[in-house]
Amino acid sequence: IVTNITDSFIDGKAIEGTVNRILIKLQAGKAEICEDIKYKVNCASMLLCLDGTTKHLNQDLIENNSDANEVEGMRSPCLICHDRASLDSVATKFGYSLPKGWKLVGSGRGTAKEQVLPVPTLKTGEETYLYFDIYRPPKALSIDDNSNGVGIESKSENPTTQEQMCQTDFDITITYKQARPKTQQSGGRGRRRRKPIMSADEEQKQGSDASNEVDLVSLEYTGSVLWTCPLSTEFREVDEAQKAPPAGSRHPSNSIQEENDIETEETKEEEVREIALVDGERISTKCILFSNEIPNNIDIEISRVWFEQFEDEKCEFRLVGENASSQVLFEADDKDFCRLLGKGKKTSIILSTLAQMKDQYKGSSTSTRMGVICVDWKPKMLPIPSAAAGYLDVREHGPLPLPNHLTRKFVGPACFVESSPFGTTAVIEPPSPRVGTPFEVTFRIENKTNIYQTVSVVLRDLDDKNRDNILISGSTKSELRISPSAAQILSYTGIATKPGKVQLPTIAISSNRYKTWLVCASGLSTIYVLP
């Protein structure tokens, strides 16, 4: 009787990026004795495509493929075993390296070396255990397509391998010599017949005839695992109300929509895919880590989260805040409950960065990524059943927590960074005015180009609900002409008529030349008025 012990813990799933151990129990039947037990494992993997087709990752497809990037993107699973003599990572012909201390079994795919179980004989009902290890590397860089501001295409993988799931089927062939136990004679009161006296030659001949009754049995067992990623991310922009004014950014999302313009689906998609930033702008982003695809009985332990630059020749994102020097966003200890992620659980990290165009590219623009989030993780150990401990030299199964930490990298949100043609700042003086005391809202608009610029200014009226809470004095519509590398100041005066949180009118400032917004919702949307 063959039983897959691990399957009941992992729900038929294996986790990418670590070694996965499959534990099998063998039990002799009620009327058999099993001797000289041997087994061999054969694995075959396939990619399951969204259109319902499958691509078998057979040996010929890997060895005869001239596209090294496509072979690497397949991340073909392999059979491996622990190698205590090896201290370095072993490179494979599949386009990746194995974890330190592990090596391929046989060719890594196909039939493993035939092995003999250490238990020589299983009597009726007795059991023993065997295991084998499989591995599939993680994606070089992971991109979450469902996140706000995240692109669809990955620069680290071939597009043909995108949105495909991988399944590994394994066949275990078990061979053994089967003998039947001697049946017990019934114990009646009748006289027993005495065994006839035989010579030594006759006894040897009878023993030889009995041994010929042993059968050679071959047993096949088939199973499969579906490979899943241990962690996923979602990025969300925070404090959108405090986001810096667009300052004339020429990104499509900042264009003034004319009445006769038709917004195409491509334009909408582009606006979602990229976060528009200006050079020198600081942005706060929430990085949400979750693990929806892992098995129910497996927890992922996060030990450290850190930040590194995304390779871009024009722009870089610099981490700001207390952790700017170390680049470490989170480092766990044993008391941090948020370090453990089970299926469906989430944890969040705030990422504050400053977008900076490199000196030689000042005045230009680029589409890039907001850095790379690196997560050091390991699965929680799944101990083998106590009944199997006496038969094996290992103490865990399922996804294994390797001695060297595992790192999964996630590319940050897609961003459009531009050295904007204008600079805008807004100031309220005094910041917290009193009821009945005038205050002034001032905007400074700087022309960073070497040509004359004309901007339109519209001060929009408040709605009926907020109109009686504040009195406004100043021009409601005007045009400003700004010389190259010069600045203009515009302002209006207000008087609050009630204490507390008071809504300010929205000011809209746009560029006549670029048809883009400098200020479309001032960012100074409310003030707090003292009695």
Protein backbone atom coordinates (compact mmCIF):
# COMPACT_ATOMS: atom_id res chain seq x y z
CA ILE A 1 0.00 0.00 0.00
CA VAL A 2 1.49 3.35 -1.09
CA THR A 3 0.43 6.59 0.68
CA ASN A 4 1.60 10.14 -0.06
CA ILE A 5 1.99 11.56 3.47
CA THR A 6 3.02 15.05 2.35
CA ASP A 7 0.03 15.59 0.07
CA SER A 8 -2.39 15.88 3.00
CA PHE A 9 -0.33 18.82 4.33
CA ILE A 10 0.40 20.74 1.11
CA ASP A 11 -2.92 20.35 -0.77
CA GLY A 12 -1.10 19.19 -3.90
CA LYS A 13 1.05 22.34 -4.06
CA ALA A 14 4.79 22.94 -4.07
CA ILE A 15 6.45 26.29 -3.34
CA GLU A 16 8.86 27.87 -5.79
CA GLY A 17 12.26 29.01 -4.57
CA THR A 18 12.87 26.27 -2.00
CA VAL A 19 13.35 22.51 -1.92
CA ASN A 20 10.13 20.50 -1.62
CA ARG A 21 10.29 17.05 -0.04
CA ILE A 22 7.65 14.42 -0.82
CA LEU A 23 7.29 11.75 1.91
CA ILE A 24 5.86 8.36 0.89
CA LYS A 25 4.74 5.53 3.19
CA LEU A 26 4.97 1.89 2.08
CA GLN A 27 3.00 -0.72 3.98
CA ALA A 28 2.98 -4.47 3.41
CA GLY A 29 -0.39 -6.04 2.71
CA LYS A 30 -2.32 -8.35 4.99
CA ALA A 31 -1.10 -11.51 3.29
CA GLU A 32 2.37 -10.72 2.00
CA ILE A 33 5.99 -10.37 3.07
CA CYS A 34 8.02 -7.81 1.09
CA GLU A 35 11.74 -8.37 0.60
CA ASP A 36 14.52 -6.60 -1.32
CA ILE A 37 12.47 -3.40 -1.81
CA LYS A 38 13.73 -0.99 -4.48
CA TYR A 39 12.27 2.17 -5.94
CA LYS A 40 12.92 4.75 -8.64
CA VAL A 41 11.29 8.11 -9.33
CA ASN A 42 10.41 9.58 -12.70
CA CYS A 43 9.32 13.25 -13.01
CA ALA A 44 7.80 15.15 -15.93
CA SER A 45 6.73 18.80 -15.90
CA MET A 46 4.47 20.91 -18.08
CA LEU A 47 3.38 24.53 -18.41
CA LEU A 48 -0.38 25.10 -18.24
CA CYS A 49 -1.26 28.06 -20.46
CA LEU A 50 -4.26 30.35 -20.08
CA ASP A 51 -5.70 29.26 -23.42
CA GLY A 52 -5.97 25.67 -22.17
CA THR A 53 -2.94 24.34 -24.00
CA THR A 54 0.03 22.64 -22.35
CA LYS A 55 3.74 22.72 -23.08
CA HIS A 56 5.68 19.69 -21.92
CA LEU A 57 9.11 20.57 -20.54
CA ASN A 58 10.80 17.47 -21.91
CA GLN A 59 14.51 16.95 -22.36
CA ASP A 60 14.50 17.74 -26.10
CA LEU A 61 12.72 21.07 -25.59
CA ILE A 62 15.36 22.19 -23.08
CA GLU A 63 18.49 20.88 -24.82
CA ASN A 64 17.54 21.83 -28.39
CA ASN A 65 16.26 25.33 -27.57
CA SER A 66 18.74 27.94 -28.78
CA ASP A 67 17.04 30.79 -26.89
CA ALA A 68 18.79 30.88 -23.50
CA ASN A 69 16.33 33.47 -22.15
CA GLU A 70 13.35 31.27 -22.95
CA VAL A 71 14.98 28.24 -21.31
CA GLU A 72 15.70 30.32 -18.20
CA GLY A 73 12.15 31.68 -18.17
CA MET A 74 10.68 28.16 -18.16
CA ARG A 75 12.36 27.47 -14.79
CA SER A 76 12.02 23.76 -15.40
CA PRO A 77 11.67 21.77 -12.11
CA CYS A 78 14.26 19.10 -11.32
CA LEU A 79 15.00 16.20 -9.00
CA ILE A 80 17.74 16.95 -6.49
CA CYS A 81 19.31 15.53 -3.35
CA HIS A 82 21.30 16.89 -0.44
CA ASP A 83 25.06 16.99 -0.95
CA ARG A 84 26.94 17.63 2.30
CA ALA A 85 30.27 17.80 0.46
CA SER A 86 29.18 20.73 -1.72
CA LEU A 87 29.38 24.24 -0.26
CA ASP A 88 28.69 26.19 -3.47
CA SER A 89 25.68 26.59 -5.73
CA VAL A 90 25.67 24.15 -8.65
CA ALA A 91 24.78 25.59 -12.06
CA THR A 92 22.39 23.52 -14.19
CA LYS A 93 21.74 23.36 -17.92
CA PHE A 94 18.22 24.62 -17.24
CA GLY A 95 19.40 28.23 -16.87
CA TYR A 96 19.59 28.47 -13.06
CA SER A 97 21.68 27.38 -10.07
CA LEU A 98 20.65 25.08 -7.24
CA PRO A 99 20.67 26.15 -3.57
CA LYS A 100 23.98 25.65 -1.78
CA GLY A 101 24.52 22.08 -0.61
CA TRP A 102 22.28 20.43 -3.23
CA LYS A 103 22.95 18.59 -6.48
CA LEU A 104 20.99 17.05 -9.35
CA VAL A 105 19.87 13.42 -9.12
CA GLY A 106 20.78 11.69 -12.36
CA SER A 107 19.90 14.10 -15.15
CA GLY A 108 17.70 16.07 -12.79
CA ARG A 109 14.69 15.14 -14.88
CA GLY A 110 13.53 11.74 -15.97
CA THR A 111 14.48 8.67 -13.96
CA ALA A 112 16.36 9.05 -10.71
CA LYS A 113 18.95 6.55 -9.63
CA GLU A 114 17.45 3.30 -8.45
CA GLN A 115 17.67 3.03 -4.68
CA VAL A 116 17.27 0.20 -2.18
CA LEU A 117 15.34 0.88 1.02
CA PRO A 118 17.35 0.34 4.22
CA VAL A 119 14.65 -1.98 5.62
CA PRO A 120 15.41 -5.39 4.09
CA THR A 121 12.07 -7.05 4.81
CA LEU A 122 8.55 -5.91 5.62
CA LYS A 123 6.38 -8.44 7.35
CA THR A 124 2.60 -8.46 7.15
CA GLY A 125 1.22 -5.00 7.96
CA GLU A 126 4.63 -3.43 8.64
CA GLU A 127 5.60 -0.10 7.10
CA THR A 128 8.59 1.91 5.96
CA TYR A 129 9.12 5.34 4.39
CA LEU A 130 10.93 6.90 1.46
CA TYR A 131 11.25 10.45 0.15
CA PHE A 132 12.52 12.47 -2.79
CA ASP A 133 13.22 16.18 -3.29
CA ILE A 134 12.18 18.48 -6.15
CA TYR A 135 13.05 22.11 -6.84
CA ARG A 136 11.92 24.98 -9.04
CA PRO A 137 13.64 28.39 -8.81
CA PRO A 138 11.69 31.63 -8.24
CA LYS A 139 11.22 34.33 -10.83
CA ALA A 140 14.26 36.57 -11.15
CA LEU A 141 12.02 39.63 -10.69
CA SER A 142 8.33 39.41 -9.84
CA ILE A 143 5.83 41.92 -11.19
CA ASP A 144 2.29 42.02 -9.83
CA ASP A 145 -0.06 42.93 -12.69
CA ASN A 146 -2.95 43.77 -10.36
CA SER A 147 -1.19 46.53 -8.44
CA ASN A 148 -1.85 50.20 -8.97
CA GLY A 149 0.84 51.64 -11.17
CA VAL A 150 2.34 48.28 -12.08
CA GLY A 151 3.10 47.30 -15.66
CA ILE A 152 2.22 44.15 -17.52
CA GLU A 153 5.44 43.08 -19.20
CA SER A 154 8.47 41.82 -17.32
CA LYS A 155 11.99 42.61 -18.43
CA SER A 156 13.31 39.55 -16.62
CA GLU A 157 11.29 36.88 -18.39
CA ASN A 158 10.34 35.92 -21.91
CA PRO A 159 6.74 37.00 -22.71
CA THR A 160 5.90 33.45 -23.82
CA THR A 161 6.32 32.21 -20.25
CA GLN A 162 4.08 34.86 -18.70
CA GLU A 163 0.83 33.86 -16.99
CA GLN A 164 1.61 30.13 -17.10
CA MET A 165 1.31 27.64 -14.26
CA CYS A 166 3.71 24.74 -13.89
CA GLN A 167 2.73 21.22 -12.87
CA THR A 168 5.11 18.37 -12.08
CA ASP A 169 3.90 14.77 -12.34
CA PHE A 170 5.92 12.06 -10.60
CA ASP A 171 5.80 8.30 -11.04
CA ILE A 172 7.26 6.01 -8.38
CA THR A 173 8.08 2.47 -9.46
CA ILE A 174 8.45 0.08 -6.51
CA THR A 175 9.77 -3.45 -7.01
CA TYR A 176 10.06 -6.12 -4.35
CA LYS A 177 9.99 -9.87 -3.80
CA GLN A 178 6.66 -11.00 -2.45
CA ALA A 179 6.37 -14.05 -0.23
CA ARG A 180 3.21 -15.53 1.33
CA PRO A 181 3.21 -16.16 5.10
CA LYS A 182 2.69 -19.77 6.24
CA THR A 183 -0.90 -20.43 7.19
CA GLN A 184 -1.53 -21.57 10.74
CA GLN A 185 -2.89 -25.07 11.13
CA SER A 186 -6.25 -25.37 12.87
CA GLY A 187 -5.93 -26.64 16.39
CA GLY A 188 -8.51 -29.54 16.68
CA ARG A 189 -8.50 -32.54 19.02
CA GLY A 190 -7.85 -35.00 16.25
CA ARG A 191 -4.56 -36.78 15.95
CA ARG A 192 -1.90 -34.90 14.03
CA ARG A 193 -0.02 -36.54 11.28
CA ARG A 194 3.66 -36.75 12.03
CA LYS A 195 5.98 -35.18 9.49
CA PRO A 196 7.78 -37.89 7.53
CA ILE A 197 11.48 -38.30 8.09
CA MET A 198 13.48 -36.93 5.10
CA SER A 199 17.10 -37.13 4.22
CA ALA A 200 19.27 -33.98 4.05
CA ASP A 201 19.13 -33.96 0.23
CA GLU A 202 15.30 -34.13 0.29
CA GLU A 203 15.07 -31.24 2.81
CA GLN A 204 17.35 -29.05 0.65
CA LYS A 205 15.26 -29.84 -2.43
CA GLN A 206 12.02 -28.93 -0.64
CA GLY A 207 13.50 -25.63 0.57
CA SER A 208 14.55 -24.84 -2.98
CA ASP A 209 11.04 -25.55 -4.24
CA ALA A 210 9.61 -23.23 -1.57
CA SER A 211 11.93 -20.41 -2.56
CA ASN A 212 10.77 -20.66 -6.13
CA GLU A 213 7.29 -19.64 -4.95
CA VAL A 214 8.47 -16.03 -4.24
CA ASP A 215 7.01 -13.56 -6.79
CA LEU A 216 8.73 -10.46 -8.18
CA VAL A 217 6.19 -7.59 -7.91
CA SER A 218 6.31 -4.17 -9.59
CA LEU A 219 4.02 -1.42 -8.27
CA GLU A 220 3.38 2.00 -9.85
CA TYR A 221 2.29 5.11 -7.94
CA THR A 222 1.50 8.45 -9.63
CA GLY A 223 1.11 11.89 -8.10
CA SER A 224 1.51 15.55 -9.00
CA VAL A 225 2.17 19.00 -7.52
CA LEU A 226 1.24 22.44 -8.79
CA TRP A 227 3.96 25.05 -8.30
CA THR A 228 2.93 28.24 -6.49
CA CYS A 229 4.75 31.40 -5.47
CA PRO A 230 5.25 31.94 -1.71
CA LEU A 231 4.60 35.70 -1.71
CA SER A 232 2.84 38.33 -3.77
CA THR A 233 2.80 42.12 -3.54
CA GLU A 234 0.43 44.98 -4.13
CA PHE A 235 1.56 48.60 -4.25
CA ARG A 236 -0.71 51.52 -3.34
CA GLU A 237 0.06 55.20 -3.34
CA VAL A 238 -0.66 56.83 0.02
CA ASP A 239 -1.37 60.46 0.93
CA GLU A 240 -2.67 61.28 -2.55
CA ALA A 241 -4.23 64.47 -1.19
CA GLN A 242 -0.75 65.70 -0.17
CA LYS A 243 0.87 64.77 -3.49
CA ALA A 244 2.95 67.54 -5.04
CA PRO A 245 1.33 69.57 -7.83
CA PRO A 246 2.00 68.14 -11.32
CA ALA A 247 3.95 71.30 -12.31
CA GLY A 248 3.16 70.96 -16.00
CA SER A 249 4.14 67.29 -16.33
CA ARG A 250 3.58 66.12 -19.90
CA HIS A 251 2.44 62.65 -18.91
CA PRO A 252 -0.92 61.72 -20.56
CA SER A 253 -2.62 61.54 -17.15
CA ASN A 254 -1.89 65.26 -16.64
CA SER A 255 -3.23 66.45 -19.99
CA ILE A 256 -6.16 68.87 -20.10
CA GLN A 257 -9.13 67.00 -21.52
CA GLU A 258 -10.83 69.08 -24.19
CA GLU A 259 -14.54 68.70 -24.82
CA ASN A 260 -14.01 67.19 -28.29
CA ASP A 261 -11.22 64.84 -27.18
CA ILE A 262 -11.99 61.14 -27.00
CA GLU A 263 -10.26 59.21 -24.25
CA THR A 264 -9.18 55.87 -25.74
CA GLU A 265 -8.77 52.61 -23.86
CA GLU A 266 -5.01 52.82 -24.49
CA THR A 267 -4.88 56.20 -22.76
CA LYS A 268 -6.81 54.89 -19.76
CA GLU A 269 -4.53 51.88 -19.50
CA GLU A 270 -1.43 54.08 -19.69
CA GLU A 271 -2.72 56.28 -16.87
CA VAL A 272 -3.23 53.24 -14.65
CA ARG A 273 0.09 51.66 -15.50
CA GLU A 274 2.30 54.60 -14.52
CA ILE A 275 2.52 56.99 -11.59
CA ALA A 276 3.45 60.46 -12.91
CA LEU A 277 6.20 62.14 -10.85
CA VAL A 278 8.37 65.21 -11.27
CA ASP A 279 12.09 65.30 -10.64
CA GLY A 280 12.79 65.75 -6.93
CA GLU A 281 9.30 64.70 -5.82
CA ARG A 282 8.90 62.58 -2.71
CA ILE A 283 6.28 59.84 -2.73
CA SER A 284 5.02 57.41 -0.09
CA THR A 285 3.90 53.97 -1.24
CA LYS A 286 2.35 51.12 0.72
CA CYS A 287 3.81 47.71 -0.11
CA ILE A 288 1.37 44.94 0.85
CA LEU A 289 2.82 41.44 1.18
CA PHE A 290 0.44 38.49 1.12
CA SER A 291 0.48 34.75 0.43
CA ASN A 292 -2.79 33.64 -1.11
CA GLU A 293 -1.44 30.67 -3.09
CA ILE A 294 0.39 28.71 -0.40
CA PRO A 295 -1.10 25.55 1.22
CA ASN A 296 -3.30 25.96 4.29
CA ASN A 297 -0.84 24.19 6.62
CA ILE A 298 2.25 26.16 5.60
CA ASP A 299 3.27 29.55 7.03
CA ILE A 300 5.81 31.86 5.42
CA GLU A 301 8.22 33.54 7.84
CA ILE A 302 9.58 36.93 6.75
CA SER A 303 12.95 37.75 8.30
CA ARG A 304 13.92 40.93 6.45
CA VAL A 305 12.64 43.37 3.81
CA TRP A 306 15.10 45.67 2.09
CA PHE A 307 15.30 48.10 -0.81
CA GLU A 308 17.60 48.17 -3.81
CA GLN A 309 17.84 50.29 -6.95
CA PHE A 310 16.15 49.35 -10.20
CA GLU A 311 18.64 49.47 -13.06
CA ASP A 312 17.91 52.64 -15.03
CA GLU A 313 20.48 54.90 -16.66
CA LYS A 314 18.41 58.08 -16.38
CA CYS A 315 16.71 58.02 -12.98
CA GLU A 316 17.02 56.60 -9.49
CA PHE A 317 14.81 56.41 -6.42
CA ARG A 318 16.50 57.28 -3.17
CA LEU A 319 15.10 55.92 0.07
CA VAL A 320 14.33 58.65 2.60
CA GLY A 321 13.67 58.43 6.32
CA GLU A 322 15.27 56.68 9.26
CA ASN A 323 16.18 53.57 7.24
CA ALA A 324 17.76 55.45 4.32
CA SER A 325 21.34 54.51 5.19
CA SER A 326 20.76 50.80 5.84
CA GLN A 327 18.17 50.34 3.07
CA VAL A 328 16.37 47.92 5.44
CA LEU A 329 12.60 48.45 5.62
CA PHE A 330 11.82 45.67 8.11
CA GLU A 331 13.85 43.24 10.19
CA ALA A 332 11.96 40.74 12.33
CA ASP A 333 12.65 39.20 15.70
CA ASP A 334 10.91 36.35 17.47
CA LYS A 335 8.33 38.70 19.04
CA ASP A 336 7.06 40.07 15.72
CA PHE A 337 3.80 38.32 14.95
CA CYS A 338 3.57 40.10 11.61
CA ARG A 339 6.59 38.14 10.36
CA LEU A 340 4.39 35.03 9.88
CA LEU A 341 2.11 34.96 6.87
CA GLY A 342 -0.42 32.17 6.49
CA LYS A 343 -2.73 31.71 3.56
CA GLY A 344 -4.85 34.84 3.06
CA LYS A 345 -2.92 36.97 5.58
CA LYS A 346 -1.31 40.31 4.78
CA THR A 347 1.30 42.66 6.15
CA SER A 348 2.16 46.19 4.99
CA ILE A 349 5.32 48.29 4.78
CA ILE A 350 5.49 52.00 3.95
CA LEU A 351 8.10 52.92 1.36
CA SER A 352 9.15 56.61 1.16
CA THR A 353 11.33 57.45 -1.82
CA LEU A 354 12.61 60.50 -3.69
CA ALA A 355 12.63 60.45 -7.49
CA GLN A 356 15.79 61.96 -8.93
CA MET A 357 16.88 62.35 -12.54
CA LYS A 358 20.62 61.83 -12.94
CA ASP A 359 22.65 64.96 -13.68
CA GLN A 360 23.35 64.18 -17.32
CA TYR A 361 19.63 63.62 -17.96
CA LYS A 362 18.24 66.69 -16.22
CA GLY A 363 15.54 68.23 -18.39
CA SER A 364 14.43 64.89 -19.90
CA SER A 365 11.96 62.21 -18.85
CA THR A 366 11.89 58.42 -18.48
CA SER A 367 9.60 55.52 -17.68
CA THR A 368 11.12 53.44 -14.91
CA ARG A 369 10.38 51.48 -11.74
CA MET A 370 10.23 52.62 -8.14
CA GLY A 371 13.12 50.43 -7.04
CA VAL A 372 13.07 46.74 -6.09
CA ILE A 373 11.64 45.32 -2.85
CA CYS A 374 13.65 42.31 -1.63
CA VAL A 375 12.08 39.92 0.88
CA ASP A 376 14.12 37.35 2.81
CA TRP A 377 11.80 34.48 3.73
CA LYS A 378 11.57 30.80 4.60
CA PRO A 379 8.70 28.35 5.10
CA LYS A 380 7.90 27.15 8.59
CA MET A 381 9.24 23.66 9.22
CA LEU A 382 6.80 20.80 8.69
CA PRO A 383 8.05 17.91 10.90
CA ILE A 384 7.73 14.35 9.65
CA PRO A 385 5.27 12.09 11.54
CA SER A 386 6.75 10.41 14.60
CA ALA A 387 6.11 7.00 13.04
CA ALA A 388 8.53 7.83 10.21
CA ALA A 389 11.34 9.23 12.39
CA GLY A 390 12.92 5.83 12.99
CA TYR A 391 13.16 5.01 9.30
CA LEU A 392 14.68 8.22 7.90
CA ASP A 393 17.71 10.45 8.40
CA VAL A 394 15.63 13.63 7.88
CA ARG A 395 13.22 15.40 10.21
CA GLU A 396 11.07 17.56 7.92
CA HIS A 397 9.08 17.31 4.69
CA GLY A 398 7.06 19.57 2.41
CA PRO A 399 8.68 22.98 1.64
CA LEU A 400 12.03 22.98 3.46
CA PRO A 401 13.47 25.93 5.44
CA LEU A 402 17.00 26.00 4.03
CA PRO A 403 19.95 27.19 6.16
CA ASN A 404 20.66 30.03 3.74
CA HIS A 405 17.81 32.52 3.59
CA LEU A 406 15.64 32.66 0.49
CA THR A 407 15.15 36.00 -1.25
CA ARG A 408 12.23 36.98 -3.45
CA LYS A 409 12.43 40.26 -5.37
CA PHE A 410 9.50 42.41 -6.45
CA VAL A 411 9.78 45.28 -8.90
CA GLY A 412 8.15 48.47 -7.63
CA PRO A 413 5.36 50.38 -9.37
CA ALA A 414 5.89 51.75 -12.87
CA CYS A 415 6.62 55.47 -12.81
CA PHE A 416 7.01 58.28 -15.33
CA VAL A 417 9.61 60.73 -14.01
CA GLU A 418 10.12 64.07 -15.72
CA SER A 419 12.11 67.22 -15.17
CA SER A 420 8.99 69.37 -15.27
CA PRO A 421 8.90 72.67 -17.21
CA PHE A 422 7.48 74.50 -14.18
CA GLY A 423 7.94 74.64 -10.46
CA THR A 424 5.02 75.40 -8.15
CA THR A 425 4.82 76.03 -4.41
CA ALA A 426 1.87 77.05 -2.25
CA VAL A 427 1.91 78.74 1.16
CA ILE A 428 -0.83 79.81 3.63
CA GLU A 429 0.02 82.62 6.00
CA PRO A 430 -0.77 82.28 8.84
CA PRO A 431 -1.07 78.46 8.63
CA SER A 432 -3.88 78.36 11.21
CA PRO A 433 -5.81 81.65 11.04
CA ARG A 434 -8.46 82.77 13.50
CA VAL A 435 -12.12 83.42 12.77
CA GLY A 436 -12.56 86.87 11.21
CA THR A 437 -8.81 87.38 10.66
CA PRO A 438 -7.61 87.65 7.03
CA PHE A 439 -5.18 85.03 5.74
CA GLU A 440 -3.38 84.84 2.40
CA VAL A 441 -2.89 81.87 0.05
CA THR A 442 0.13 82.41 -2.21
CA PHE A 443 1.30 80.44 -5.24
CA ARG A 444 4.77 80.84 -6.71
CA ILE A 445 5.08 79.64 -10.33
CA GLU A 446 8.57 79.24 -11.78
CA ASN A 447 9.35 78.85 -15.49
CA LYS A 448 12.22 76.36 -15.74
CA THR A 449 12.45 76.50 -19.53
CA ASN A 450 14.37 78.92 -21.76
CA ILE A 451 11.24 80.17 -23.56
CA TYR A 452 8.34 82.44 -22.57
CA GLN A 453 5.39 80.64 -21.05
CA THR A 454 1.77 81.66 -20.58
CA VAL A 455 -0.37 80.06 -17.88
CA SER A 456 -4.11 80.37 -17.21
CA VAL A 457 -5.44 80.74 -13.66
CA VAL A 458 -9.01 79.96 -12.59
CA LEU A 459 -10.25 80.22 -8.98
CA ARG A 460 -13.28 77.95 -8.77
CA ASP A 461 -16.19 78.83 -6.51
CA LEU A 462 -17.15 76.64 -3.55
CA ASP A 463 -20.34 74.60 -3.48
CA ASP A 464 -23.43 75.73 -1.58
CA LYS A 465 -22.51 73.63 1.46
CA ASN A 466 -19.16 75.40 2.05
CA ARG A 467 -19.74 78.79 0.45
CA ASP A 468 -20.84 80.56 3.67
CA ASN A 469 -17.83 79.32 5.69
CA ILE A 470 -15.25 81.56 4.01
CA LEU A 471 -15.06 84.90 2.19
CA ILE A 472 -12.63 85.22 -0.74
CA SER A 473 -11.07 88.35 -2.27
CA GLY A 474 -8.96 88.23 -5.46
CA SER A 475 -9.03 87.64 -9.19
CA THR A 476 -11.01 84.57 -10.17
CA LYS A 477 -9.65 84.27 -13.72
CA SER A 478 -6.44 85.58 -15.29
CA GLU A 479 -3.41 84.83 -17.46
CA LEU A 480 0.24 85.16 -16.50
CA ARG A 481 3.17 85.54 -18.87
CA ILE A 482 6.41 84.26 -17.36
CA SER A 483 9.88 84.96 -18.72
CA PRO A 484 12.50 82.18 -19.12
CA SER A 485 13.99 81.09 -15.77
CA ALA A 486 11.76 83.57 -13.95
CA ALA A 487 8.89 83.28 -11.48
CA GLN A 488 5.49 84.93 -10.89
CA ILE A 489 3.52 85.24 -7.67
CA LEU A 490 -0.27 85.10 -7.47
CA SER A 491 -2.42 85.09 -4.36
CA TYR A 492 -5.88 85.56 -2.91
CA THR A 493 -7.11 86.61 0.54
CA GLY A 494 -9.68 84.78 2.62
CA ILE A 495 -11.57 85.28 5.89
CA ALA A 496 -13.05 82.28 7.70
CA THR A 497 -16.43 82.72 9.32
CA LYS A 498 -16.41 79.61 11.54
CA PRO A 499 -13.81 77.64 13.51
CA GLY A 500 -12.68 74.10 12.73
CA LYS A 501 -11.97 72.45 9.41
CA VAL A 502 -12.81 74.79 6.53
CA GLN A 503 -12.82 73.92 2.82
CA LEU A 504 -10.73 76.17 0.54
CA PRO A 505 -11.71 76.96 -3.04
CA THR A 506 -9.86 74.99 -5.72
CA ILE A 507 -7.42 76.85 -7.93
CA ALA A 508 -6.66 75.49 -11.42
CA ILE A 509 -3.45 76.61 -13.16
CA SER A 510 -2.65 75.26 -16.63
CA SER A 511 -0.01 75.73 -19.33
CA ASN A 512 -1.27 77.18 -22.59
CA ARG A 513 1.68 75.76 -24.51
CA TYR A 514 1.68 72.15 -23.26
CA LYS A 515 -2.04 71.85 -22.43
CA THR A 516 -1.14 70.37 -19.05
CA TRP A 517 -1.94 71.19 -15.44
CA LEU A 518 0.43 73.01 -13.14
CA VAL A 519 -2.09 72.89 -10.30
CA CYS A 520 -5.47 71.22 -10.69
CA ALA A 521 -6.36 70.64 -7.03
CA SER A 522 -4.11 72.84 -5.01
CA GLY A 523 -3.19 70.32 -2.30
CA LEU A 524 -4.19 73.06 0.17
CA SER A 525 -7.76 71.83 0.11
CA THR A 526 -8.58 72.54 3.78
CA ILE A 527 -7.35 74.65 6.69
CA TYR A 528 -7.99 74.49 10.42
CA VAL A 529 -9.37 77.76 11.79
CA LEU A 530 -8.92 78.75 15.40
CA PRO A 531 -11.81 80.38 17.35
